[in-house]
Amino acid sequence: DESEIILVGINNRGYRIAEMLQNEMQGKTESQTLLTRI
């Protein structure tokens, strides 16, 4: 029921996994998924 989900990857490897999650989520939801890094 969320309109926006933010995926926050920790450093490079966490960010890469977050990217993979975002790619997998696209097309399966109307929620916007944003990606950033810590």
Full PDB file with SEQRES, HELIX, SHEET, SSBOND, CRYST1, ORIGX, SCALE, CONECT and MASTER records, all heavy atoms in Angstrom:
SEQRES   1 A   38  ASP GLU SER GLU ILE ILE LEU VAL GLY ILE ASN ASN ARG          
SEQRES   2 A   38  GLY TYR ARG ILE ALA GLU MET LEU GLN ASN GLU MET GLN          
SEQRES   3 A   38  GLY LYS THR GLU SER GLN THR LEU LEU THR ARG ILE              
HELIX    1 AA1 ASN A   11  MET A   25  1                                  15    
SHEET    1 AA1 2 GLU A   4  GLY A   9  0                                        
SHEET    2 AA1 2 GLN A  32  ARG A  37  1                                        
CRYST1    1.000    1.000    1.000  90.00  90.00  90.00 P 1           1          
ORIGX1      1.000000  0.000000  0.000000        0.00000                         
ORIGX2      0.000000  1.000000  0.000000        0.00000                         
ORIGX3      0.000000  0.000000  1.000000        0.00000                         
SCALE1      1.000000  0.000000  0.000000        0.00000                         
SCALE2      0.000000  1.000000  0.000000        0.00000                         
SCALE3      0.000000  0.000000  1.000000        0.00000                         
ATOM      1  N   ASP A   1       0.809  -1.221   0.000  1.00  0.00           N  
ATOM      2  CA  ASP A   1       0.000   0.000   0.000  1.00  0.00           C  
ATOM      3  C   ASP A   1       0.844   1.275   0.000  1.00  0.00           C  
ATOM      4  O   ASP A   1       0.310   2.369   0.120  1.00  0.00           O  
ATOM      5  CB  ASP A   1      -0.955   0.002   1.191  1.00  0.00           C  
ATOM      6  CG  ASP A   1      -0.246  -0.144   2.526  1.00  0.00           C  
ATOM      7  OD1 ASP A   1       0.954  -0.503   2.544  1.00  0.00           O  
ATOM      8  OD2 ASP A   1      -0.889   0.101   3.565  1.00  0.00           O  
ATOM      9  N   GLU A   2       2.141   1.140  -0.155  1.00  0.00           N  
ATOM     10  CA  GLU A   2       3.041   2.300  -0.168  1.00  0.00           C  
ATOM     11  C   GLU A   2       3.197   2.840  -1.588  1.00  0.00           C  
ATOM     12  O   GLU A   2       3.283   2.077  -2.544  1.00  0.00           O  
ATOM     13  CB  GLU A   2       4.421   1.919   0.380  1.00  0.00           C  
ATOM     14  CG  GLU A   2       4.415   1.479   1.823  1.00  0.00           C  
ATOM     15  CD  GLU A   2       4.024   2.581   2.796  1.00  0.00           C  
ATOM     16  OE1 GLU A   2       4.239   3.770   2.483  1.00  0.00           O  
ATOM     17  OE2 GLU A   2       3.503   2.246   3.874  1.00  0.00           O  
ATOM     18  N   SER A   3       3.266   4.158  -1.701  1.00  0.00           N  
ATOM     19  CA  SER A   3       3.456   4.762  -3.024  1.00  0.00           C  
ATOM     20  C   SER A   3       4.935   4.834  -3.405  1.00  0.00           C  
ATOM     21  O   SER A   3       5.269   4.959  -4.584  1.00  0.00           O  
ATOM     22  CB  SER A   3       2.844   6.155  -3.064  1.00  0.00           C  
ATOM     23  OG  SER A   3       3.473   6.992  -2.112  1.00  0.00           O  
ATOM     24  N   GLU A   4       5.805   4.744  -2.389  1.00  0.00           N  
ATOM     25  CA  GLU A   4       7.239   4.879  -2.651  1.00  0.00           C  
ATOM     26  C   GLU A   4       8.024   3.994  -1.697  1.00  0.00           C  
ATOM     27  O   GLU A   4       7.726   3.938  -0.505  1.00  0.00           O  
ATOM     28  CB  GLU A   4       7.640   6.339  -2.471  1.00  0.00           C  
ATOM     29  CG  GLU A   4       9.015   6.684  -2.945  1.00  0.00           C  
ATOM     30  CD  GLU A   4       9.239   8.185  -2.906  1.00  0.00           C  
ATOM     31  OE1 GLU A   4       9.277   8.758  -1.808  1.00  0.00           O  
ATOM     32  OE2 GLU A   4       9.360   8.770  -3.989  1.00  0.00           O  
ATOM     33  N   ILE A   5       9.017   3.308  -2.228  1.00  0.00           N  
ATOM     34  CA  ILE A   5       9.920   2.475  -1.440  1.00  0.00           C  
ATOM     35  C   ILE A   5      11.339   2.908  -1.787  1.00  0.00           C  
ATOM     36  O   ILE A   5      11.692   3.010  -2.964  1.00  0.00           O  
ATOM     37  CB  ILE A   5       9.736   0.981  -1.768  1.00  0.00           C  
ATOM     38  CG1 ILE A   5       8.293   0.536  -1.442  1.00  0.00           C  
ATOM     39  CG2 ILE A   5      10.757   0.136  -1.023  1.00  0.00           C  
ATOM     40  CD1 ILE A   5       7.938  -0.836  -1.955  1.00  0.00           C  
ATOM     41  N   ILE A   6      12.138   3.154  -0.753  1.00  0.00           N  
ATOM     42  CA  ILE A   6      13.517   3.576  -0.982  1.00  0.00           C  
ATOM     43  C   ILE A   6      14.461   2.440  -0.592  1.00  0.00           C  
ATOM     44  O   ILE A   6      14.444   1.963   0.543  1.00  0.00           O  
ATOM     45  CB  ILE A   6      13.857   4.846  -0.178  1.00  0.00           C  
ATOM     46  CG1 ILE A   6      12.908   5.983  -0.569  1.00  0.00           C  
ATOM     47  CG2 ILE A   6      15.317   5.249  -0.412  1.00  0.00           C  
ATOM     48  CD1 ILE A   6      13.074   7.251   0.226  1.00  0.00           C  
ATOM     49  N   LEU A   7      15.248   1.987  -1.560  1.00  0.00           N  
ATOM     50  CA  LEU A   7      16.254   0.961  -1.328  1.00  0.00           C  
ATOM     51  C   LEU A   7      17.584   1.660  -1.082  1.00  0.00           C  
ATOM     52  O   LEU A   7      18.044   2.434  -1.923  1.00  0.00           O  
ATOM     53  CB  LEU A   7      16.360   0.035  -2.544  1.00  0.00           C  
ATOM     54  CG  LEU A   7      15.071  -0.695  -2.934  1.00  0.00           C  
ATOM     55  CD1 LEU A   7      15.237  -1.378  -4.286  1.00  0.00           C  
ATOM     56  CD2 LEU A   7      14.682  -1.694  -1.868  1.00  0.00           C  
ATOM     57  N   VAL A   8      18.170   1.404   0.073  1.00  0.00           N  
ATOM     58  CA  VAL A   8      19.418   2.066   0.463  1.00  0.00           C  
ATOM     59  C   VAL A   8      20.512   1.004   0.571  1.00  0.00           C  
ATOM     60  O   VAL A   8      20.516   0.192   1.501  1.00  0.00           O  
ATOM     61  CB  VAL A   8      19.265   2.809   1.807  1.00  0.00           C  
ATOM     62  CG1 VAL A   8      20.560   3.524   2.165  1.00  0.00           C  
ATOM     63  CG2 VAL A   8      18.106   3.790   1.757  1.00  0.00           C  
ATOM     64  N   GLY A   9      21.424   1.001  -0.399  1.00  0.00           N  
ATOM     65  CA  GLY A   9      22.526   0.043  -0.390  1.00  0.00           C  
ATOM     66  C   GLY A   9      23.687   0.558   0.431  1.00  0.00           C  
ATOM     67  O   GLY A   9      24.046   1.731   0.358  1.00  0.00           O  
ATOM     68  N   ILE A  10      24.253  -0.327   1.233  1.00  0.00           N  
ATOM     69  CA  ILE A  10      25.423   0.032   2.029  1.00  0.00           C  
ATOM     70  C   ILE A  10      26.677  -0.237   1.205  1.00  0.00           C  
ATOM     71  O   ILE A  10      26.923  -1.376   0.776  1.00  0.00           O  
ATOM     72  CB  ILE A  10      25.470  -0.758   3.348  1.00  0.00           C  
ATOM     73  CG1 ILE A  10      24.240  -0.430   4.195  1.00  0.00           C  
ATOM     74  CG2 ILE A  10      26.769  -0.473   4.108  1.00  0.00           C  
ATOM     75  CD1 ILE A  10      24.145  -1.219   5.489  1.00  0.00           C  
ATOM     76  N   ASN A  11      27.432   0.822   0.966  1.00  0.00           N  
ATOM     77  CA  ASN A  11      28.649   0.767   0.154  1.00  0.00           C  
ATOM     78  C   ASN A  11      28.362   0.134  -1.201  1.00  0.00           C  
ATOM     79  O   ASN A  11      27.220   0.071  -1.648  1.00  0.00           O  
ATOM     80  CB  ASN A  11      29.779   0.083   0.914  1.00  0.00           C  
ATOM     81  CG  ASN A  11      30.248   0.927   2.091  1.00  0.00           C  
ATOM     82  OD1 ASN A  11      30.133   2.142   2.087  1.00  0.00           O  
ATOM     83  ND2 ASN A  11      30.757   0.277   3.135  1.00  0.00           N  
ATOM     84  N   ASN A  12      29.397  -0.324  -1.882  1.00  0.00           N  
ATOM     85  CA  ASN A  12      29.239  -0.781  -3.259  1.00  0.00           C  
ATOM     86  C   ASN A  12      28.481  -2.095  -3.397  1.00  0.00           C  
ATOM     87  O   ASN A  12      27.600  -2.229  -4.232  1.00  0.00           O  
ATOM     88  CB  ASN A  12      30.602  -0.889  -3.941  1.00  0.00           C  
ATOM     89  CG  ASN A  12      31.242   0.466  -4.126  1.00  0.00           C  
ATOM     90  OD1 ASN A  12      30.553   1.474  -4.236  1.00  0.00           O  
ATOM     91  ND2 ASN A  12      32.564   0.501  -4.142  1.00  0.00           N  
ATOM     92  N   ARG A  13      28.810  -3.076  -2.582  1.00  0.00           N  
ATOM     93  CA  ARG A  13      28.160  -4.387  -2.734  1.00  0.00           C  
ATOM     94  C   ARG A  13      26.698  -4.350  -2.299  1.00  0.00           C  
ATOM     95  O   ARG A  13      25.847  -4.972  -2.937  1.00  0.00           O  
ATOM     96  CB  ARG A  13      28.946  -5.465  -2.004  1.00  0.00           C  
ATOM     97  CG  ARG A  13      30.283  -5.737  -2.711  1.00  0.00           C  
ATOM     98  CD  ARG A  13      30.919  -6.990  -2.262  1.00  0.00           C  
ATOM     99  NE  ARG A  13      31.536  -6.843  -0.947  1.00  0.00           N  
ATOM    100  CZ  ARG A  13      32.435  -7.662  -0.462  1.00  0.00           C  
ATOM    101  NH1 ARG A  13      32.816  -8.713  -1.152  1.00  0.00           N  
ATOM    102  NH2 ARG A  13      32.949  -7.467   0.727  1.00  0.00           N  
ATOM    103  N   GLY A  14      26.401  -3.638  -1.242  1.00  0.00           N  
ATOM    104  CA  GLY A  14      25.005  -3.482  -0.838  1.00  0.00           C  
ATOM    105  C   GLY A  14      24.212  -2.727  -1.891  1.00  0.00           C  
ATOM    106  O   GLY A  14      23.056  -3.044  -2.171  1.00  0.00           O  
ATOM    107  N   TYR A  15      24.850  -1.720  -2.483  1.00  0.00           N  
ATOM    108  CA  TYR A  15      24.195  -0.951  -3.545  1.00  0.00           C  
ATOM    109  C   TYR A  15      23.891  -1.840  -4.749  1.00  0.00           C  
ATOM    110  O   TYR A  15      22.819  -1.751  -5.336  1.00  0.00           O  
ATOM    111  CB  TYR A  15      25.071   0.238  -3.954  1.00  0.00           C  
ATOM    112  CG  TYR A  15      24.420   1.151  -4.958  1.00  0.00           C  
ATOM    113  CD1 TYR A  15      23.509   2.111  -4.548  1.00  0.00           C  
ATOM    114  CD2 TYR A  15      24.708   1.050  -6.312  1.00  0.00           C  
ATOM    115  CE1 TYR A  15      22.892   2.961  -5.468  1.00  0.00           C  
ATOM    116  CE2 TYR A  15      24.105   1.888  -7.239  1.00  0.00           C  
ATOM    117  CZ  TYR A  15      23.202   2.844  -6.805  1.00  0.00           C  
ATOM    118  OH  TYR A  15      22.593   3.671  -7.714  1.00  0.00           O  
ATOM    119  N   ARG A  16      24.831  -2.712  -5.090  1.00  0.00           N  
ATOM    120  CA  ARG A  16      24.624  -3.610  -6.240  1.00  0.00           C  
ATOM    121  C   ARG A  16      23.435  -4.535  -5.983  1.00  0.00           C  
ATOM    122  O   ARG A  16      22.623  -4.772  -6.866  1.00  0.00           O  
ATOM    123  CB  ARG A  16      25.899  -4.415  -6.525  1.00  0.00           C  
ATOM    124  CG  ARG A  16      25.762  -5.398  -7.645  1.00  0.00           C  
ATOM    125  CD  ARG A  16      25.495  -4.702  -8.979  1.00  0.00           C  
ATOM    126  NE  ARG A  16      25.162  -5.693  -9.977  1.00  0.00           N  
ATOM    127  CZ  ARG A  16      24.021  -5.726 -10.661  1.00  0.00           C  
ATOM    128  NH1 ARG A  16      23.114  -4.804 -10.505  1.00  0.00           N  
ATOM    129  NH2 ARG A  16      23.791  -6.677 -11.534  1.00  0.00           N  
ATOM    130  N   ILE A  17      23.314  -5.046  -4.773  1.00  0.00           N  
ATOM    131  CA  ILE A  17      22.172  -5.907  -4.433  1.00  0.00           C  
ATOM    132  C   ILE A  17      20.882  -5.091  -4.472  1.00  0.00           C  
ATOM    133  O   ILE A  17      19.854  -5.563  -4.963  1.00  0.00           O  
ATOM    134  CB  ILE A  17      22.383  -6.588  -3.073  1.00  0.00           C  
ATOM    135  CG1 ILE A  17      23.568  -7.557  -3.165  1.00  0.00           C  
ATOM    136  CG2 ILE A  17      21.111  -7.323  -2.634  1.00  0.00           C  
ATOM    137  CD1 ILE A  17      24.034  -8.096  -1.831  1.00  0.00           C  
ATOM    138  N   ALA A  18      20.926  -3.856  -3.983  1.00  0.00           N  
ATOM    139  CA  ALA A  18      19.753  -2.972  -4.025  1.00  0.00           C  
ATOM    140  C   ALA A  18      19.334  -2.725  -5.477  1.00  0.00           C  
ATOM    141  O   ALA A  18      18.141  -2.697  -5.785  1.00  0.00           O  
ATOM    142  CB  ALA A  18      20.043  -1.661  -3.304  1.00  0.00           C  
ATOM    143  N   GLU A  19      20.299  -2.556  -6.375  1.00  0.00           N  
ATOM    144  CA  GLU A  19      19.990  -2.391  -7.805  1.00  0.00           C  
ATOM    145  C   GLU A  19      19.274  -3.628  -8.350  1.00  0.00           C  
ATOM    146  O   GLU A  19      18.308  -3.515  -9.094  1.00  0.00           O  
ATOM    147  CB  GLU A  19      21.270  -2.193  -8.621  1.00  0.00           C  
ATOM    148  CG  GLU A  19      21.858  -0.826  -8.578  1.00  0.00           C  
ATOM    149  CD  GLU A  19      23.106  -0.737  -9.439  1.00  0.00           C  
ATOM    150  OE1 GLU A  19      23.962  -1.653  -9.419  1.00  0.00           O  
ATOM    151  OE2 GLU A  19      23.223   0.270 -10.150  1.00  0.00           O  
ATOM    152  N   MET A  20      19.767  -4.790  -7.974  1.00  0.00           N  
ATOM    153  CA  MET A  20      19.157  -6.040  -8.428  1.00  0.00           C  
ATOM    154  C   MET A  20      17.724  -6.148  -7.908  1.00  0.00           C  
ATOM    155  O   MET A  20      16.823  -6.568  -8.643  1.00  0.00           O  
ATOM    156  CB  MET A  20      20.008  -7.225  -7.972  1.00  0.00           C  
ATOM    157  CG  MET A  20      21.369  -7.275  -8.646  1.00  0.00           C  
ATOM    158  SD  MET A  20      22.538  -8.400  -7.844  1.00  0.00           S  
ATOM    159  CE  MET A  20      21.810  -9.979  -8.193  1.00  0.00           C  
ATOM    160  N   LEU A  21      17.511  -5.769  -6.664  1.00  0.00           N  
ATOM    161  CA  LEU A  21      16.159  -5.775  -6.091  1.00  0.00           C  
ATOM    162  C   LEU A  21      15.245  -4.813  -6.841  1.00  0.00           C  
ATOM    163  O   LEU A  21      14.109  -5.154  -7.182  1.00  0.00           O  
ATOM    164  CB  LEU A  21      16.206  -5.394  -4.606  1.00  0.00           C  
ATOM    165  CG  LEU A  21      16.715  -6.465  -3.655  1.00  0.00           C  
ATOM    166  CD1 LEU A  21      16.998  -5.854  -2.290  1.00  0.00           C  
ATOM    167  CD2 LEU A  21      15.720  -7.616  -3.547  1.00  0.00           C  
ATOM    168  N   GLN A  22      15.751  -3.609  -7.097  1.00  0.00           N  
ATOM    169  CA  GLN A  22      14.957  -2.617  -7.816  1.00  0.00           C  
ATOM    170  C   GLN A  22      14.572  -3.142  -9.200  1.00  0.00           C  
ATOM    171  O   GLN A  22      13.418  -3.012  -9.621  1.00  0.00           O  
ATOM    172  CB  GLN A  22      15.717  -1.305  -7.942  1.00  0.00           C  
ATOM    173  CG  GLN A  22      14.895  -0.212  -8.614  1.00  0.00           C  
ATOM    174  CD  GLN A  22      15.677   1.065  -8.841  1.00  0.00           C  
ATOM    175  OE1 GLN A  22      16.840   1.015  -9.228  1.00  0.00           O  
ATOM    176  NE2 GLN A  22      15.044   2.192  -8.578  1.00  0.00           N  
ATOM    177  N   ASN A  23      15.511  -3.728  -9.906  1.00  0.00           N  
ATOM    178  CA  ASN A  23      15.228  -4.284 -11.233  1.00  0.00           C  
ATOM    179  C   ASN A  23      14.155  -5.366 -11.158  1.00  0.00           C  
ATOM    180  O   ASN A  23      13.280  -5.443 -12.014  1.00  0.00           O  
ATOM    181  CB  ASN A  23      16.497  -4.841 -11.879  1.00  0.00           C  
ATOM    182  CG  ASN A  23      17.455  -3.756 -12.301  1.00  0.00           C  
ATOM    183  OD1 ASN A  23      17.065  -2.612 -12.523  1.00  0.00           O  
ATOM    184  ND2 ASN A  23      18.726  -4.095 -12.396  1.00  0.00           N  
ATOM    185  N   GLU A  24      14.230  -6.190 -10.136  1.00  0.00           N  
ATOM    186  CA  GLU A  24      13.257  -7.273  -9.960  1.00  0.00           C  
ATOM    187  C   GLU A  24      11.874  -6.730  -9.605  1.00  0.00           C  
ATOM    188  O   GLU A  24      10.852  -7.292  -9.997  1.00  0.00           O  
ATOM    189  CB  GLU A  24      13.748  -8.239  -8.881  1.00  0.00           C  
ATOM    190  CG  GLU A  24      12.969  -9.513  -8.793  1.00  0.00           C  
ATOM    191  CD  GLU A  24      13.013 -10.368 -10.045  1.00  0.00           C  
ATOM    192  OE1 GLU A  24      14.103 -10.565 -10.616  1.00  0.00           O  
ATOM    193  OE2 GLU A  24      11.933 -10.845 -10.461  1.00  0.00           O  
ATOM    194  N   MET A  25      11.824  -5.618  -8.884  1.00  0.00           N  
ATOM    195  CA  MET A  25      10.559  -5.041  -8.444  1.00  0.00           C  
ATOM    196  C   MET A  25       9.842  -4.295  -9.570  1.00  0.00           C  
ATOM    197  O   MET A  25       8.615  -4.191  -9.556  1.00  0.00           O  
ATOM    198  CB  MET A  25      10.803  -4.109  -7.248  1.00  0.00           C  
ATOM    199  CG  MET A  25      11.237  -4.855  -6.003  1.00  0.00           C  
ATOM    200  SD  MET A  25      11.955  -3.801  -4.734  1.00  0.00           S  
ATOM    201  CE  MET A  25      10.519  -2.923  -4.150  1.00  0.00           C  
ATOM    202  N   GLN A  26      10.591  -3.786 -10.525  1.00  0.00           N  
ATOM    203  CA  GLN A  26       9.994  -3.021 -11.625  1.00  0.00           C  
ATOM    204  C   GLN A  26       9.018  -3.893 -12.403  1.00  0.00           C  
ATOM    205  O   GLN A  26       9.288  -5.053 -12.685  1.00  0.00           O  
ATOM    206  CB  GLN A  26      11.072  -2.473 -12.554  1.00  0.00           C  
ATOM    207  CG  GLN A  26      11.864  -1.369 -11.917  1.00  0.00           C  
ATOM    208  CD  GLN A  26      12.979  -0.846 -12.805  1.00  0.00           C  
ATOM    209  OE1 GLN A  26      13.371  -1.455 -13.776  1.00  0.00           O  
ATOM    210  NE2 GLN A  26      13.495   0.305 -12.447  1.00  0.00           N  
ATOM    211  N   GLY A  27       7.872  -3.331 -12.693  1.00  0.00           N  
ATOM    212  CA  GLY A  27       6.854  -4.050 -13.437  1.00  0.00           C  
ATOM    213  C   GLY A  27       5.944  -4.904 -12.572  1.00  0.00           C  
ATOM    214  O   GLY A  27       4.963  -5.441 -13.052  1.00  0.00           O  
ATOM    215  N   LYS A  28       6.302  -5.057 -11.290  1.00  0.00           N  
ATOM    216  CA  LYS A  28       5.486  -5.856 -10.381  1.00  0.00           C  
ATOM    217  C   LYS A  28       4.669  -5.001  -9.421  1.00  0.00           C  
ATOM    218  O   LYS A  28       3.922  -5.529  -8.602  1.00  0.00           O  
ATOM    219  CB  LYS A  28       6.372  -6.800  -9.577  1.00  0.00           C  
ATOM    220  CG  LYS A  28       7.023  -7.889 -10.410  1.00  0.00           C  
ATOM    221  CD  LYS A  28       7.879  -8.784  -9.541  1.00  0.00           C  
ATOM    222  CE  LYS A  28       8.429  -9.964 -10.299  1.00  0.00           C  
ATOM    223  NZ  LYS A  28       9.375  -9.619 -11.329  1.00  0.00           N  
ATOM    224  N   THR A  29       4.835  -3.692  -9.500  1.00  0.00           N  
ATOM    225  CA  THR A  29       4.162  -2.797  -8.574  1.00  0.00           C  
ATOM    226  C   THR A  29       3.961  -1.435  -9.216  1.00  0.00           C  
ATOM    227  O   THR A  29       4.691  -1.070 -10.142  1.00  0.00           O  
ATOM    228  CB  THR A  29       4.972  -2.641  -7.270  1.00  0.00           C  
ATOM    229  OG1 THR A  29       4.266  -1.806  -6.363  1.00  0.00           O  
ATOM    230  CG2 THR A  29       6.340  -2.039  -7.529  1.00  0.00           C  
ATOM    231  N   GLU A  30       3.015  -0.706  -8.674  1.00  0.00           N  
ATOM    232  CA  GLU A  30       2.842   0.683  -9.101  1.00  0.00           C  
ATOM    233  C   GLU A  30       3.625   1.616  -8.181  1.00  0.00           C  
ATOM    234  O   GLU A  30       3.718   2.811  -8.452  1.00  0.00           O  
ATOM    235  CB  GLU A  30       1.362   1.038  -9.114  1.00  0.00           C  
ATOM    236  CG  GLU A  30       0.617   0.289 -10.201  1.00  0.00           C  
ATOM    237  CD  GLU A  30      -0.817   0.728 -10.339  1.00  0.00           C  
ATOM    238  OE1 GLU A  30      -1.168   1.825  -9.873  1.00  0.00           O  
ATOM    239  OE2 GLU A  30      -1.594  -0.041 -10.930  1.00  0.00           O  
ATOM    240  N   SER A  31       4.167   1.068  -7.101  1.00  0.00           N  
ATOM    241  CA  SER A  31       4.991   1.870  -6.192  1.00  0.00           C  
ATOM    242  C   SER A  31       6.261   2.315  -6.906  1.00  0.00           C  
ATOM    243  O   SER A  31       6.846   1.560  -7.681  1.00  0.00           O  
ATOM    244  CB  SER A  31       5.404   1.054  -4.965  1.00  0.00           C  
ATOM    245  OG  SER A  31       4.293   0.623  -4.244  1.00  0.00           O  
ATOM    246  N   GLN A  32       6.678   3.515  -6.615  1.00  0.00           N  
ATOM    247  CA  GLN A  32       7.942   4.003  -7.153  1.00  0.00           C  
ATOM    248  C   GLN A  32       9.054   3.461  -6.264  1.00  0.00           C  
ATOM    249  O   GLN A  32       8.954   3.508  -5.040  1.00  0.00           O  
ATOM    250  CB  GLN A  32       7.961   5.528  -7.153  1.00  0.00           C  
ATOM    251  CG  GLN A  32       9.231   6.106  -7.718  1.00  0.00           C  
ATOM    252  CD  GLN A  32       9.223   7.626  -7.710  1.00  0.00           C  
ATOM    253  OE1 GLN A  32       8.353   8.259  -7.123  1.00  0.00           O  
ATOM    254  NE2 GLN A  32      10.203   8.206  -8.356  1.00  0.00           N  
ATOM    255  N   THR A  33      10.093   2.929  -6.867  1.00  0.00           N  
ATOM    256  CA  THR A  33      11.243   2.472  -6.083  1.00  0.00           C  
ATOM    257  C   THR A  33      12.423   3.372  -6.391  1.00  0.00           C  
ATOM    258  O   THR A  33      12.808   3.533  -7.548  1.00  0.00           O  
ATOM    259  CB  THR A  33      11.601   1.003  -6.375  1.00  0.00           C  
ATOM    260  OG1 THR A  33      11.856   0.838  -7.754  1.00  0.00           O  
ATOM    261  CG2 THR A  33      10.503   0.065  -5.937  1.00  0.00           C  
ATOM    262  N   LEU A  34      12.957   3.977  -5.352  1.00  0.00           N  
ATOM    263  CA  LEU A  34      14.128   4.836  -5.476  1.00  0.00           C  
ATOM    264  C   LEU A  34      15.335   4.096  -4.941  1.00  0.00           C  
ATOM    265  O   LEU A  34      15.219   3.242  -4.063  1.00  0.00           O  
ATOM    266  CB  LEU A  34      13.932   6.133  -4.703  1.00  0.00           C  
ATOM    267  CG  LEU A  34      12.743   6.993  -5.126  1.00  0.00           C  
ATOM    268  CD1 LEU A  34      12.638   8.210  -4.225  1.00  0.00           C  
ATOM    269  CD2 LEU A  34      12.884   7.418  -6.578  1.00  0.00           C  
ATOM    270  N   LEU A  35      16.486   4.459  -5.436  1.00  0.00           N  
ATOM    271  CA  LEU A  35      17.726   3.791  -5.075  1.00  0.00           C  
ATOM    272  C   LEU A  35      18.740   4.824  -4.627  1.00  0.00           C  
ATOM    273  O   LEU A  35      18.914   5.859  -5.285  1.00  0.00           O  
ATOM    274  CB  LEU A  35      18.240   3.036  -6.307  1.00  0.00           C  
ATOM    275  CG  LEU A  35      19.471   2.177  -6.181  1.00  0.00           C  
ATOM    276  CD1 LEU A  35      19.254   1.039  -5.191  1.00  0.00           C  
ATOM    277  CD2 LEU A  35      19.832   1.602  -7.545  1.00  0.00           C  
ATOM    278  N   THR A  36      19.387   4.561  -3.505  1.00  0.00           N  
ATOM    279  CA  THR A  36      20.465   5.433  -3.040  1.00  0.00           C  
ATOM    280  C   THR A  36      21.489   4.582  -2.303  1.00  0.00           C  
ATOM    281  O   THR A  36      21.320   3.376  -2.138  1.00  0.00           O  
ATOM    282  CB  THR A  36      19.925   6.587  -2.162  1.00  0.00           C  
ATOM    283  OG1 THR A  36      20.975   7.544  -1.974  1.00  0.00           O  
ATOM    284  CG2 THR A  36      19.431   6.093  -0.813  1.00  0.00           C  
ATOM    285  N   ARG A  37      22.553   5.239  -1.861  1.00  0.00           N  
ATOM    286  CA  ARG A  37      23.656   4.517  -1.220  1.00  0.00           C  
ATOM    287  C   ARG A  37      24.072   5.230   0.062  1.00  0.00           C  
ATOM    288  O   ARG A  37      24.048   6.452   0.149  1.00  0.00           O  
ATOM    289  CB  ARG A  37      24.838   4.471  -2.190  1.00  0.00           C  
ATOM    290  CG  ARG A  37      26.064   3.820  -1.651  1.00  0.00           C  
ATOM    291  CD  ARG A  37      27.281   3.886  -2.598  1.00  0.00           C  
ATOM    292  NE  ARG A  37      26.978   4.256  -3.959  1.00  0.00           N  
ATOM    293  CZ  ARG A  37      27.239   3.500  -5.029  1.00  0.00           C  
ATOM    294  NH1 ARG A  37      27.822   2.343  -4.896  1.00  0.00           N  
ATOM    295  NH2 ARG A  37      26.947   3.930  -6.230  1.00  0.00           N  
ATOM    296  N   ILE A  38      24.470   4.424   1.034  1.00  0.00           N  
ATOM    297  CA  ILE A  38      25.135   4.928   2.246  1.00  0.00           C  
ATOM    298  C   ILE A  38      26.588   4.501   2.138  1.00  0.00           C  
ATOM    299  O   ILE A  38      26.880   3.336   1.854  1.00  0.00           O  
ATOM    300  CB  ILE A  38      24.525   4.327   3.531  1.00  0.00           C  
ATOM    301  CG1 ILE A  38      23.153   4.906   3.792  1.00  0.00           C  
ATOM    302  CG2 ILE A  38      25.440   4.574   4.724  1.00  0.00           C  
ATOM    303  CD1 ILE A  38      22.486   4.359   5.035  1.00  0.00           C  
TER     304      ILE A  38                                                      
MASTER        0    0    0    1    2    0    0    6  303    1    0    3          
END                                                                             
